[in-house]
Protein backbone atom coordinates (compact mmCIF):
# COMPACT_ATOMS: atom_id res chain seq x y z
CA MET A 1 -170.25 -124.86 -61.80
CA PHE A 2 -167.78 -125.16 -64.47
CA TYR A 3 -168.57 -121.65 -65.56
CA GLY A 4 -167.97 -120.28 -62.11
CA GLU A 5 -164.59 -121.96 -61.84
CA ARG A 6 -163.54 -120.53 -65.15
CA LEU A 7 -164.59 -117.12 -64.04
CA ILE A 8 -162.48 -117.41 -60.95
CA VAL A 9 -159.51 -118.54 -63.00
CA VAL A 10 -159.97 -115.61 -65.34
CA GLU A 11 -160.10 -113.23 -62.40
CA ILE A 12 -156.96 -114.73 -60.98
CA VAL A 13 -155.18 -114.42 -64.31
CA LEU A 14 -156.33 -110.84 -64.65
CA LEU A 15 -155.13 -110.09 -61.17
CA LEU A 16 -151.76 -111.63 -61.98
CA ILE A 17 -151.52 -109.61 -65.18
CA VAL A 18 -152.48 -106.42 -63.36
CA GLY A 19 -149.92 -107.15 -60.65
CA ALA A 20 -147.19 -107.85 -63.19
CA LEU A 21 -148.01 -104.67 -65.04
CA SER A 22 -148.00 -102.69 -61.78
CA PHE A 23 -144.64 -104.16 -60.81
CA ALA A 24 -143.21 -103.41 -64.25
CA LEU A 25 -144.57 -99.88 -64.14
CA GLY A 26 -143.15 -99.29 -60.59
CA TYR A 27 -139.78 -100.70 -61.55
CA LEU A 28 -139.64 -98.42 -64.61
CA THR A 29 -140.61 -95.46 -62.44
CA TYR A 30 -137.86 -96.33 -59.87
CA LYS A 31 -135.26 -96.68 -62.63
CA THR A 32 -136.29 -93.37 -64.12
CA ARG A 33 -135.96 -91.61 -60.77
CA GLN A 34 -132.54 -93.19 -60.14
CA ARG A 35 -131.31 -92.03 -63.52
CA ASP A 36 -132.59 -88.52 -62.83
CA LYS A 37 -130.80 -88.44 -59.42
CA LEU A 38 -127.58 -89.76 -60.92
CA ARG A 39 -127.76 -87.18 -63.70
CA ALA A 40 -128.35 -84.35 -61.15
CA ALA A 41 -125.44 -85.55 -58.96
CA GLN A 42 -123.20 -85.72 -62.00
CA GLU A 43 -124.17 -82.19 -63.01
CA GLU A 44 -123.56 -80.94 -59.42
CA ALA A 45 -120.14 -82.61 -59.34
CA ASP A 46 -119.25 -81.04 -62.69
CA ARG A 47 -120.36 -77.66 -61.43
CA ILE A 48 -118.27 -77.96 -58.20
CA LEU A 49 -115.28 -79.15 -60.18
CA GLU A 50 -115.54 -76.18 -62.52
CA GLU A 51 -115.80 -73.78 -59.55
CA ASN A 52 -112.75 -75.34 -57.85
CA LYS A 53 -110.78 -75.11 -61.07
CA ALA A 54 -111.68 -71.43 -61.35
CA LYS A 55 -110.65 -70.77 -57.73
CA ALA A 56 -107.42 -72.67 -58.22
CA ARG A 57 -106.65 -70.53 -61.27
CA ASP A 58 -107.35 -67.37 -59.24
CA ILE A 59 -105.11 -68.57 -56.39
CA VAL A 60 -102.29 -69.43 -58.75
CA LEU A 61 -102.56 -66.04 -60.43
CA ALA A 62 -102.55 -64.25 -57.04
CA ALA A 63 -99.53 -66.27 -55.89
CA LYS A 64 -97.70 -65.41 -59.08
CA ASP A 65 -98.50 -61.70 -58.55
CA GLU A 66 -97.28 -61.87 -54.93
CA ALA A 67 -94.12 -63.71 -55.93
CA LEU A 68 -93.47 -61.06 -58.55
CA LYS A 69 -93.89 -58.27 -56.00
CA ILE A 70 -91.55 -60.03 -53.53
CA ARG A 71 -88.99 -60.56 -56.26
CA ASN A 72 -89.16 -56.89 -57.25
CA ALA A 73 -88.84 -55.75 -53.59
CA ALA A 74 -85.90 -58.09 -53.03
CA GLY A 75 -84.24 -56.69 -56.11
CA VAL A 76 -84.68 -53.13 -54.82
CA GLU A 77 -83.30 -54.10 -51.36
CA VAL A 78 -80.33 -55.89 -52.90
CA GLU A 79 -79.59 -52.87 -55.01
CA ARG A 80 -79.79 -50.57 -51.97
CA ARG A 81 -77.50 -52.84 -49.96
CA ARG A 82 -75.07 -52.99 -52.85
CA ARG A 83 -74.92 -49.18 -53.03
CA GLU A 84 -74.40 -48.93 -49.25
CA LEU A 85 -71.59 -51.48 -49.36
CA GLN A 86 -70.01 -49.58 -52.17
CA LYS A 87 -70.15 -46.32 -50.18
CA GLN A 88 -68.68 -48.02 -47.10
CA GLU A 89 -65.91 -49.46 -49.18
CA GLU A 90 -65.15 -46.02 -50.57
CA ARG A 91 -65.06 -44.53 -47.02
CA ILE A 92 -62.76 -47.30 -45.81
CA GLN A 93 -60.48 -46.72 -48.73
CA ARG A 94 -60.30 -42.99 -47.95
CA ARG A 95 -59.52 -43.74 -44.30
CA LEU A 96 -56.78 -46.13 -45.29
CA GLU A 97 -55.26 -43.45 -47.46
CA THR A 98 -55.51 -40.95 -44.54
CA LEU A 99 -53.87 -43.42 -42.15
CA ASP A 100 -51.07 -44.06 -44.57
CA GLY A 101 -50.40 -40.33 -44.71
CA ARG A 102 -50.45 -40.07 -40.90
CA LEU A 103 -48.07 -43.00 -40.56
CA GLU A 104 -45.66 -41.32 -42.90
CA ARG A 105 -45.83 -38.08 -40.91
CA LEU A 106 -45.36 -39.99 -37.64
CA ASP A 107 -42.32 -41.74 -39.01
CA ALA A 108 -40.85 -38.42 -39.99
CA ARG A 109 -41.66 -36.92 -36.54
CA GLU A 110 -40.14 -39.92 -34.80
CA LYS A 111 -36.93 -39.47 -36.72
CA ARG A 112 -36.81 -35.77 -35.75
CA LEU A 113 -37.48 -36.67 -32.08
CA ALA A 114 -34.73 -39.26 -32.15
CA GLN A 115 -32.33 -36.64 -33.44
CA ARG A 116 -33.43 -34.16 -30.73
CA GLN A 117 -33.10 -36.85 -28.03
CA SER A 118 -29.61 -37.60 -29.14
CA LYS A 119 -28.76 -33.92 -28.93
CA LEU A 120 -30.42 -33.62 -25.49
CA ASP A 121 -28.42 -36.61 -24.25
CA LYS A 122 -25.24 -34.91 -25.32
CA ASP A 123 -26.33 -31.62 -23.67
CA ALA A 124 -27.29 -33.49 -20.46
CA ALA A 125 -23.92 -35.21 -20.36
CA GLU A 126 -22.18 -31.87 -20.78
CA ALA A 127 -24.40 -30.28 -18.07
CA GLU A 128 -23.65 -33.17 -15.69
CA ASN A 129 -19.94 -32.73 -16.23
CA LEU A 130 -20.25 -29.00 -15.66
CA LEU A 131 -22.33 -29.61 -12.50
CA GLU A 132 -19.74 -32.04 -11.16
CA ARG A 133 -16.96 -29.51 -11.76
CA ARG A 134 -18.97 -26.75 -10.03
CA ARG A 135 -19.87 -29.04 -7.12
CA ALA A 136 -16.22 -29.93 -6.66
CA GLU A 137 -15.31 -26.24 -6.79
CA LEU A 138 -18.03 -25.38 -4.23
CA GLU A 139 -16.86 -28.15 -1.90
CA ARG A 140 -13.28 -26.85 -2.20
CA VAL A 141 -14.34 -23.25 -1.49
CA SER A 142 -16.86 -23.96 1.32
CA GLY A 143 -14.98 -26.77 2.98
CA LEU A 144 -18.23 -28.86 3.18
CA SER A 145 -19.02 -32.12 1.47
CA SER A 146 -22.11 -32.39 -0.73
CA GLU A 147 -23.95 -34.46 1.89
CA GLU A 148 -23.19 -31.94 4.63
CA ALA A 149 -24.31 -29.04 2.43
CA LYS A 150 -27.46 -30.91 1.45
CA SER A 151 -28.31 -31.65 5.08
CA LEU A 152 -27.71 -28.03 6.06
CA LEU A 153 -29.80 -26.78 3.18
CA LEU A 154 -32.65 -29.20 3.95
CA ASP A 155 -32.70 -28.19 7.59
CA GLU A 156 -32.89 -24.54 6.64
CA VAL A 157 -35.59 -25.18 4.06
CA ALA A 158 -37.58 -27.33 6.52
CA LYS A 159 -37.39 -24.62 9.16
CA GLU A 160 -38.48 -21.92 6.72
CA SER A 161 -41.21 -24.21 5.35
CA ARG A 162 -42.58 -24.92 8.83
CA GLN A 163 -42.68 -21.22 9.61
CA GLU A 164 -44.29 -20.42 6.28
CA MET A 165 -46.75 -23.31 6.65
CA ALA A 166 -47.68 -22.20 10.15
CA ARG A 167 -48.21 -18.66 8.90
CA LEU A 168 -50.40 -19.87 6.02
CA ILE A 169 -52.37 -22.15 8.34
CA ARG A 170 -52.92 -19.29 10.79
CA GLU A 171 -54.04 -16.98 8.02
CA ALA A 172 -56.36 -19.61 6.54
CA GLU A 173 -57.79 -20.48 9.94
CA ALA A 174 -58.22 -16.81 10.79
CA ARG A 175 -60.09 -16.18 7.53
CA ALA A 176 -62.18 -19.32 7.96
CA GLU A 177 -62.96 -18.53 11.59
CA ALA A 178 -63.85 -14.93 10.77
CA GLU A 179 -66.17 -16.00 7.96
CA ALA A 180 -67.62 -18.87 9.99
CA GLU A 181 -68.18 -16.66 13.02
CA ARG A 182 -69.80 -14.00 10.88
CA ARG A 183 -72.17 -16.42 9.20
CA ALA A 184 -72.77 -18.51 12.32
CA GLY A 185 -73.36 -15.40 14.39
CA LYS A 186 -75.88 -14.13 11.89
CA ILE A 187 -77.73 -17.45 11.74
CA ILE A 188 -77.64 -18.04 15.49
CA ALA A 189 -78.71 -14.48 16.24
CA THR A 190 -81.60 -14.86 13.81
CA VAL A 191 -82.61 -18.11 15.45
CA ILE A 192 -82.20 -17.00 19.08
CA GLU A 193 -84.12 -13.77 18.61
CA ARG A 194 -87.09 -15.89 17.53
CA VAL A 195 -87.01 -18.02 20.72
CA ALA A 196 -87.97 -16.72 24.14
CA SER A 197 -87.70 -19.38 26.87
CA ASP A 198 -88.27 -19.34 30.62
CA TYR A 199 -85.84 -21.14 32.87
CA VAL A 200 -86.67 -22.54 36.27
CA SER A 201 -83.91 -23.79 38.57
CA GLU A 202 -84.93 -26.87 40.51
CA ALA A 203 -83.34 -28.49 43.55
CA VAL A 204 -83.71 -31.87 45.20
CA VAL A 205 -86.01 -30.60 47.96
CA THR A 206 -89.58 -29.32 48.00
CA THR A 207 -91.30 -27.48 50.81
CA VAL A 208 -94.97 -28.10 51.70
CA PRO A 209 -96.57 -25.27 53.73
CA LEU A 210 -98.64 -26.15 56.83
CA PRO A 211 -101.50 -24.13 58.31
CA ASN A 212 -99.91 -24.38 61.78
CA ASP A 213 -97.19 -26.23 63.67
CA GLU A 214 -99.77 -28.55 65.23
CA MET A 215 -100.15 -30.17 61.83
CA LYS A 216 -96.56 -31.44 62.05
CA GLY A 217 -97.57 -33.76 64.87
CA ARG A 218 -100.51 -35.08 62.88
CA VAL A 219 -98.24 -35.70 59.89
CA ILE A 220 -95.79 -37.60 62.10
CA GLY A 221 -98.60 -39.58 63.75
CA ARG A 222 -98.54 -41.80 66.79
CA GLN A 223 -95.03 -43.22 67.20
CA GLY A 224 -94.25 -41.92 63.70
CA ARG A 225 -96.58 -44.29 61.82
CA ASN A 226 -97.97 -41.61 59.45
CA ILE A 227 -94.61 -40.24 58.36
CA ARG A 228 -93.28 -43.79 57.86
CA ALA A 229 -96.34 -44.67 55.79
CA ILE A 230 -95.82 -41.60 53.58
CA GLU A 231 -92.10 -42.33 53.11
CA GLU A 232 -92.73 -45.99 52.29
CA ALA A 233 -95.54 -45.22 49.86
CA THR A 234 -93.71 -42.46 48.00
CA GLY A 235 -90.00 -43.38 48.40
CA VAL A 236 -89.01 -39.90 49.65
CA ASP A 237 -87.64 -38.49 52.90
CA LEU A 238 -89.79 -36.11 54.96
CA ILE A 239 -87.76 -33.63 57.00
CA VAL A 240 -89.65 -32.18 59.94
CA ASP A 241 -87.35 -29.59 61.57
CA ASP A 242 -87.65 -26.26 63.31
CA THR A 243 -88.79 -24.47 60.18
CA PRO A 244 -92.12 -22.92 61.16
CA GLU A 245 -95.24 -24.16 59.40
CA ALA A 246 -93.38 -26.19 56.75
CA ILE A 247 -92.26 -29.74 55.98
CA THR A 248 -89.45 -30.46 53.56
CA ILE A 249 -89.64 -33.32 51.03
CA SER A 250 -86.23 -34.61 49.94
CA SER A 251 -85.60 -36.95 46.98
CA PHE A 252 -83.34 -37.08 43.95
CA ASP A 253 -86.26 -38.40 41.89
CA PRO A 254 -88.41 -35.40 40.89
CA VAL A 255 -91.38 -37.61 39.98
CA ARG A 256 -91.46 -39.17 43.43
CA ARG A 257 -91.01 -35.75 45.00
CA GLU A 258 -93.98 -34.37 43.03
CA VAL A 259 -96.19 -37.35 43.98
CA ALA A 260 -95.29 -36.86 47.63
CA ARG A 261 -95.96 -33.09 47.44
CA LEU A 262 -99.42 -33.55 45.92
CA ALA A 263 -100.37 -36.32 48.35
CA LEU A 264 -99.09 -34.46 51.44
CA SER A 265 -100.73 -31.18 50.37
CA ARG A 266 -104.11 -32.92 50.06
CA LEU A 267 -103.67 -34.74 53.35
CA VAL A 268 -102.82 -31.48 55.13
CA GLN A 269 -105.75 -29.72 53.50
CA ASP A 270 -108.16 -32.52 54.38
CA GLY A 271 -106.81 -33.00 57.92
CA ARG A 272 -107.55 -36.74 58.03
CA ILE A 273 -104.12 -38.35 58.15
CA HIS A 274 -103.80 -42.09 58.72
CA PRO A 275 -102.11 -44.97 56.79
CA GLY A 276 -105.25 -45.95 54.85
CA ARG A 277 -105.90 -42.37 53.78
CA ILE A 278 -102.23 -41.92 52.94
CA GLU A 279 -102.20 -44.89 50.54
CA LYS A 280 -105.34 -43.62 48.81
CA GLU A 281 -104.01 -40.08 48.36
CA VAL A 282 -100.59 -41.33 47.17
CA LYS A 283 -102.25 -43.52 44.54
CA ARG A 284 -104.43 -40.62 43.45
CA ALA A 285 -101.41 -38.28 43.28
CA ARG A 286 -99.42 -40.86 41.29
CA ASN A 287 -102.23 -41.16 38.73
CA GLU A 288 -102.45 -37.37 38.52
CA VAL A 289 -98.69 -37.06 37.94
CA GLU A 290 -98.89 -39.72 35.21
CA ALA A 291 -101.67 -37.71 33.56
CA ILE A 292 -99.58 -34.54 33.85
CA ILE A 293 -96.63 -36.36 32.27
CA GLN A 294 -98.79 -37.60 29.39
CA GLU A 295 -100.27 -34.13 28.86
CA ALA A 296 -96.83 -32.49 28.96
CA GLY A 297 -95.55 -34.89 26.28
CA GLU A 298 -98.59 -34.30 24.05
CA ASN A 299 -98.35 -30.52 24.49
CA ALA A 300 -94.69 -30.62 23.46
CA LEU A 301 -95.61 -32.49 20.27
CA VAL A 302 -98.43 -30.06 19.49
CA GLU A 303 -96.17 -27.05 20.08
CA LEU A 304 -93.53 -28.42 17.68
CA GLY A 305 -95.96 -29.81 15.10
CA ILE A 306 -94.63 -33.38 15.43
CA HIS A 307 -97.06 -36.26 14.94
CA ARG A 308 -97.26 -40.06 14.95
CA LEU A 309 -94.89 -40.90 17.81
CA HIS A 310 -95.27 -44.06 19.88
CA PRO A 311 -97.37 -43.46 23.05
CA GLU A 312 -94.59 -44.77 25.30
CA LEU A 313 -92.19 -42.31 23.68
CA VAL A 314 -94.66 -39.47 24.31
CA LYS A 315 -94.79 -40.52 27.98
CA LEU A 316 -90.99 -40.47 28.20
CA ILE A 317 -90.97 -36.96 26.73
CA GLY A 318 -93.43 -35.90 29.42
CA ARG A 319 -91.20 -37.39 32.14
CA LEU A 320 -88.55 -34.84 31.17
CA LYS A 321 -90.83 -32.24 32.80
CA TYR A 322 -89.54 -33.56 36.12
CA ARG A 323 -85.89 -33.90 35.11
CA THR A 324 -83.17 -31.28 35.37
CA SER A 325 -79.62 -30.93 34.11
CA TYR A 326 -77.38 -28.36 35.83
CA GLY A 327 -80.64 -26.90 37.18
CA GLN A 328 -82.20 -26.56 33.70
CA ASN A 329 -85.60 -28.18 33.15
CA GLN A 330 -85.08 -30.92 30.59
CA LEU A 331 -88.47 -30.68 28.87
CA ALA A 332 -88.12 -26.91 28.40
CA HIS A 333 -84.55 -27.46 27.21
CA SER A 334 -85.65 -30.17 24.74
CA ILE A 335 -88.47 -28.02 23.33
CA GLU A 336 -86.15 -25.03 22.96
CA THR A 337 -83.49 -27.21 21.33
CA ALA A 338 -86.11 -28.49 18.87
CA HIS A 339 -87.17 -24.91 17.99
CA ILE A 340 -83.55 -23.80 17.51
CA ALA A 341 -82.67 -26.93 15.49
CA GLY A 342 -85.70 -26.46 13.23
CA MET A 343 -84.82 -22.83 12.51
CA LEU A 344 -81.14 -23.67 11.94
CA ALA A 345 -82.16 -26.42 9.52
CA ALA A 346 -84.42 -23.98 7.67
CA GLU A 347 -81.55 -21.45 7.44
CA LEU A 348 -79.00 -24.06 6.30
CA GLY A 349 -81.21 -26.08 3.95
CA GLY A 350 -81.54 -29.19 6.15
CA ASP A 351 -84.54 -31.41 6.91
CA VAL A 352 -86.58 -29.33 9.35
CA ARG A 353 -88.73 -32.25 10.56
CA VAL A 354 -85.72 -34.48 11.30
CA ALA A 355 -83.93 -31.61 13.07
CA LYS A 356 -86.99 -30.77 15.19
CA MET A 357 -87.63 -34.38 16.17
CA GLY A 358 -83.93 -34.92 16.91
CA GLY A 359 -83.86 -31.78 19.09
CA LEU A 360 -86.94 -32.87 21.04
CA LEU A 361 -85.69 -36.43 21.59
CA HIS A 362 -81.95 -35.77 21.99
CA ASP A 363 -82.07 -36.09 25.81
CA ILE A 364 -84.78 -38.78 25.97
CA GLY A 365 -82.18 -41.12 27.49
CA LYS A 366 -82.21 -38.97 30.64
CA ALA A 367 -85.82 -39.98 31.28
CA VAL A 368 -84.61 -43.55 31.97
CA SER A 369 -80.95 -42.91 32.83
CA HIS A 370 -81.35 -44.53 36.24
CA GLU A 371 -82.76 -47.68 34.62
CA ASN A 372 -80.22 -48.23 31.82
CA ASP A 373 -76.43 -48.26 31.79
CA GLY A 374 -74.38 -46.21 29.36
CA PRO A 375 -74.29 -42.61 28.10
CA HIS A 376 -77.72 -41.03 27.81
CA ALA A 377 -77.15 -40.29 24.11
CA LYS A 378 -76.69 -43.96 23.23
CA VAL A 379 -79.49 -45.03 25.59
CA GLY A 380 -81.79 -42.48 23.94
CA ALA A 381 -80.88 -43.72 20.45
CA GLU A 382 -81.65 -47.32 21.47
CA ILE A 383 -85.04 -46.24 22.88
CA ALA A 384 -85.80 -44.29 19.68
CA ARG A 385 -84.98 -47.27 17.47
CA ARG A 386 -87.05 -49.55 19.71
CA TYR A 387 -90.10 -47.35 19.11
CA LYS A 388 -89.53 -47.16 15.31
CA VAL A 389 -88.25 -43.57 15.15
CA PRO A 390 -86.66 -42.83 11.71
CA GLU A 391 -82.96 -43.68 11.58
CA PRO A 392 -81.79 -40.08 10.76
CA VAL A 393 -83.47 -38.92 14.01
CA ALA A 394 -81.88 -41.76 16.02
CA HIS A 395 -78.48 -40.77 14.59
CA CYS A 396 -79.05 -37.17 15.73
CA ILE A 397 -79.72 -38.47 19.25
CA GLU A 398 -76.62 -40.67 19.51
CA ALA A 399 -74.31 -38.08 17.92
CA HIS A 400 -75.27 -34.94 19.87
CA HIS A 401 -72.47 -35.55 22.43
CA HIS A 402 -70.10 -37.14 19.87
CA GLU A 403 -70.39 -40.68 21.26
CA VAL A 404 -70.45 -41.36 17.51
CA GLU A 405 -69.28 -38.94 14.84
CA PRO A 406 -72.15 -36.97 13.25
CA GLU A 407 -72.63 -38.00 9.63
CA THR A 408 -75.53 -35.77 8.59
CA LEU A 409 -76.19 -32.03 8.56
CA GLU A 410 -79.16 -32.53 10.89
CA ALA A 411 -76.97 -34.32 13.49
CA VAL A 412 -74.56 -31.37 13.54
CA ILE A 413 -77.48 -28.94 13.79
CA VAL A 414 -78.98 -30.79 16.79
CA ALA A 415 -75.62 -30.80 18.58
CA ALA A 416 -75.24 -27.06 17.92
CA ALA A 417 -78.81 -26.34 19.06
CA ASP A 418 -78.21 -28.33 22.26
CA ALA A 419 -75.08 -26.28 22.98
CA ILE A 420 -76.87 -23.00 22.24
CA SER A 421 -79.76 -23.84 24.55
CA GLY A 422 -77.46 -25.00 27.37
CA ALA A 423 -75.04 -22.10 27.02
CA ARG A 424 -77.59 -19.31 27.38
CA PRO A 425 -76.75 -17.06 30.35
CA GLY A 426 -78.66 -18.33 33.35
CA ALA A 427 -79.85 -21.47 31.60
CA ARG A 428 -77.77 -23.83 33.69
CA ARG A 429 -75.97 -23.74 36.98
CA GLU A 430 -73.46 -25.99 38.65
CA SER A 431 -72.32 -26.39 42.20
CA LEU A 432 -69.13 -24.79 43.45
CA GLU A 433 -67.48 -28.15 44.01
CA SER A 434 -68.20 -29.44 40.51
CA TYR A 435 -67.07 -26.11 39.07
CA ILE A 436 -63.75 -26.27 40.95
CA ARG A 437 -63.24 -29.91 39.90
CA ARG A 438 -63.87 -29.04 36.27
CA VAL A 439 -61.55 -26.03 36.26
CA THR A 440 -58.79 -28.02 38.01
CA ALA A 441 -59.20 -30.90 35.56
CA LEU A 442 -58.93 -28.47 32.64
CA GLU A 443 -55.61 -27.09 33.85
CA GLU A 444 -54.26 -30.57 34.62
CA ILE A 445 -55.12 -31.82 31.15
CA ALA A 446 -53.31 -28.87 29.58
CA LYS A 447 -50.20 -29.29 31.77
CA SER A 448 -49.95 -32.98 30.85
CA PHE A 449 -48.71 -32.05 27.34
CA ARG A 450 -45.04 -31.58 26.54
CA GLY A 451 -43.88 -27.99 26.19
CA VAL A 452 -46.69 -26.41 28.28
CA GLN A 453 -45.30 -23.85 30.72
CA GLU A 454 -48.49 -22.53 32.32
CA ALA A 455 -52.23 -23.21 31.96
CA PHE A 456 -55.06 -21.02 33.25
CA ALA A 457 -58.81 -21.71 33.17
CA ILE A 458 -60.53 -18.32 32.85
CA GLN A 459 -64.01 -16.95 32.14
CA ALA A 460 -65.61 -19.41 34.56
CA GLY A 461 -63.94 -22.33 32.85
CA ARG A 462 -65.13 -21.47 29.35
CA GLU A 463 -61.62 -20.58 28.12
CA LEU A 464 -58.39 -22.49 28.68
CA ARG A 465 -55.37 -20.23 28.14
CA ILE A 466 -52.05 -22.08 27.71
CA ILE A 467 -48.53 -20.61 27.55
CA VAL A 468 -45.88 -22.83 25.92
CA ARG A 469 -42.09 -22.74 25.94
CA PRO A 470 -40.96 -21.25 22.61
CA ASP A 471 -37.82 -23.37 22.51
CA VAL A 472 -39.87 -26.60 22.64
CA VAL A 473 -42.98 -25.77 20.58
CA ASP A 474 -42.77 -23.88 17.28
CA ASP A 475 -45.47 -21.93 15.47
CA TYR A 476 -46.74 -24.99 13.64
CA GLY A 477 -46.70 -27.03 16.86
CA ILE A 478 -49.05 -24.69 18.75
CA ILE A 479 -51.76 -25.36 16.14
CA GLN A 480 -51.44 -29.11 16.59
CA LEU A 481 -51.19 -28.71 20.37
CA SER A 482 -54.42 -26.72 20.61
CA LYS A 483 -56.26 -29.39 18.63
CA GLU A 484 -54.87 -32.23 20.75
CA ILE A 485 -55.77 -30.49 24.03
CA ALA A 486 -59.28 -29.70 22.80
CA LYS A 487 -59.75 -33.32 21.77
CA LYS A 488 -58.56 -34.61 25.15
CA VAL A 489 -60.89 -32.19 26.97
CA GLU A 490 -63.82 -33.48 24.89
CA GLU A 491 -62.93 -37.08 25.69
CA ASN A 492 -62.36 -36.68 29.43
CA LEU A 493 -64.70 -33.96 30.70
CA GLU A 494 -68.43 -33.24 30.68
CA TYR A 495 -69.39 -29.57 30.62
CA PRO A 496 -72.19 -27.32 29.41
CA GLY A 497 -71.60 -25.23 26.30
CA GLN A 498 -68.12 -25.10 24.81
CA ILE A 499 -64.57 -24.39 25.96
CA LYS A 500 -62.11 -22.27 23.98
CA VAL A 501 -58.51 -23.57 23.97
CA LEU A 502 -56.05 -20.71 23.37
CA VAL A 503 -52.33 -21.56 23.01
CA ILE A 504 -49.83 -18.66 23.27
CA ARG A 505 -46.21 -18.83 22.13
CA GLU A 506 -43.96 -15.79 22.51
CA SER A 507 -40.23 -15.20 22.57
CA ARG A 508 -38.70 -12.56 24.87
CA ALA A 509 -35.22 -11.13 24.92
CA ALA A 510 -33.95 -8.96 27.77
CA GLU A 511 -30.68 -7.15 28.26
CA TYR A 512 -29.54 -4.66 30.87
CA ALA A 513 -27.70 -1.45 30.06
CA LYS A 514 -24.96 -0.84 32.61
């Protein structure tokens, strides 16, 4: 038992010894590893430090090289600037020397001028004295004072100047008119020979043929109900008189007259005439006329090559098909004016599109003249602006009758084209009464001016010939008088084409031999 205990003790001691040795060995191994790691870290730090030192040396060397380059470049720039400043200083010095020389020469010239001025003053004083002595001698010889002589001389010079000025003005106007007429005639002849237009004179009545006189009674109806229904539906007057086999439609509105003609023609052809049928046919005729108006407007645009107009404006253009002015169809007149304006613009270097559009739309105000107040030119311009027509075209419309002064070449061209189209022989007609009123008004306007002895409207009112008293109006005055009379005619009268104002001044002397 004792032996076993001792054995256990020995084993325990051995275990303790082995454990102590193991601990000592592990601690030594740990210490060795720590020393190895510390040595490796130290070596790595030394290596990094050496690398950083090398890089720092390289950076310092590069910075020194760069600083040296900058210093060298700055030295070169400073030297260049110094040379430039030196050259500028030399130039300034030369200029100063030049200016000094000029100042010296100017001083010398000023002295010479002062001497000449002094001499001129003396000569002027002597000339004034001589002039006074001669003036006094002239006054003594002529018996007139200087003021009286001056007034007489000025009157004579003014009279001669007015005569000479009038002569020069006449010559200049004659040359200008001859050249203008030559060039205008050539251009207008070229334009007109390219346009061939048909003219149709329209009145305010339309006749509808009937197959027989019995049809008149059917049109009138029982107690006149049919004819009243037609007149109320169309707004026209039906005239049933002794004219055989015909009924006359009377209205100042051509559109209404056309609607009534179509409706009555169909009623007569069909034979069934009663209020219900009348309303149906009138509505159908009105729709057909609207379609004709739309088609006429579109055809006008196609013929002239004009696009992108507002549909309402196209319809107004078509309405001109049923409008007349002095018997001239307005749509035909507008199309012809557009053709003439386009060709004139091409000849004169204007905007052909603006001229064409202005010519087509220049009388658009007449399509609604009964609905709007004011001159048709201004009404047409307002309508054009309302439907977004370009402003140059609107100006052509409002200026074609000089309600406003034309400011563009195209506006003048449209006004000229309008006059050319309206002044063609046979293009327009006017009643005898209106013709007599216009001719009488022309002569009265001319006689209202001072110095007019006689005034005659000749060539169907297209020329106003005026004879003036020579003792009241001189040669210069007749030029001014003709312009004033022409301006007053433009402001107070409306007329187709143009009117020539011719003022005649002549002096006559008569003596009898006994």
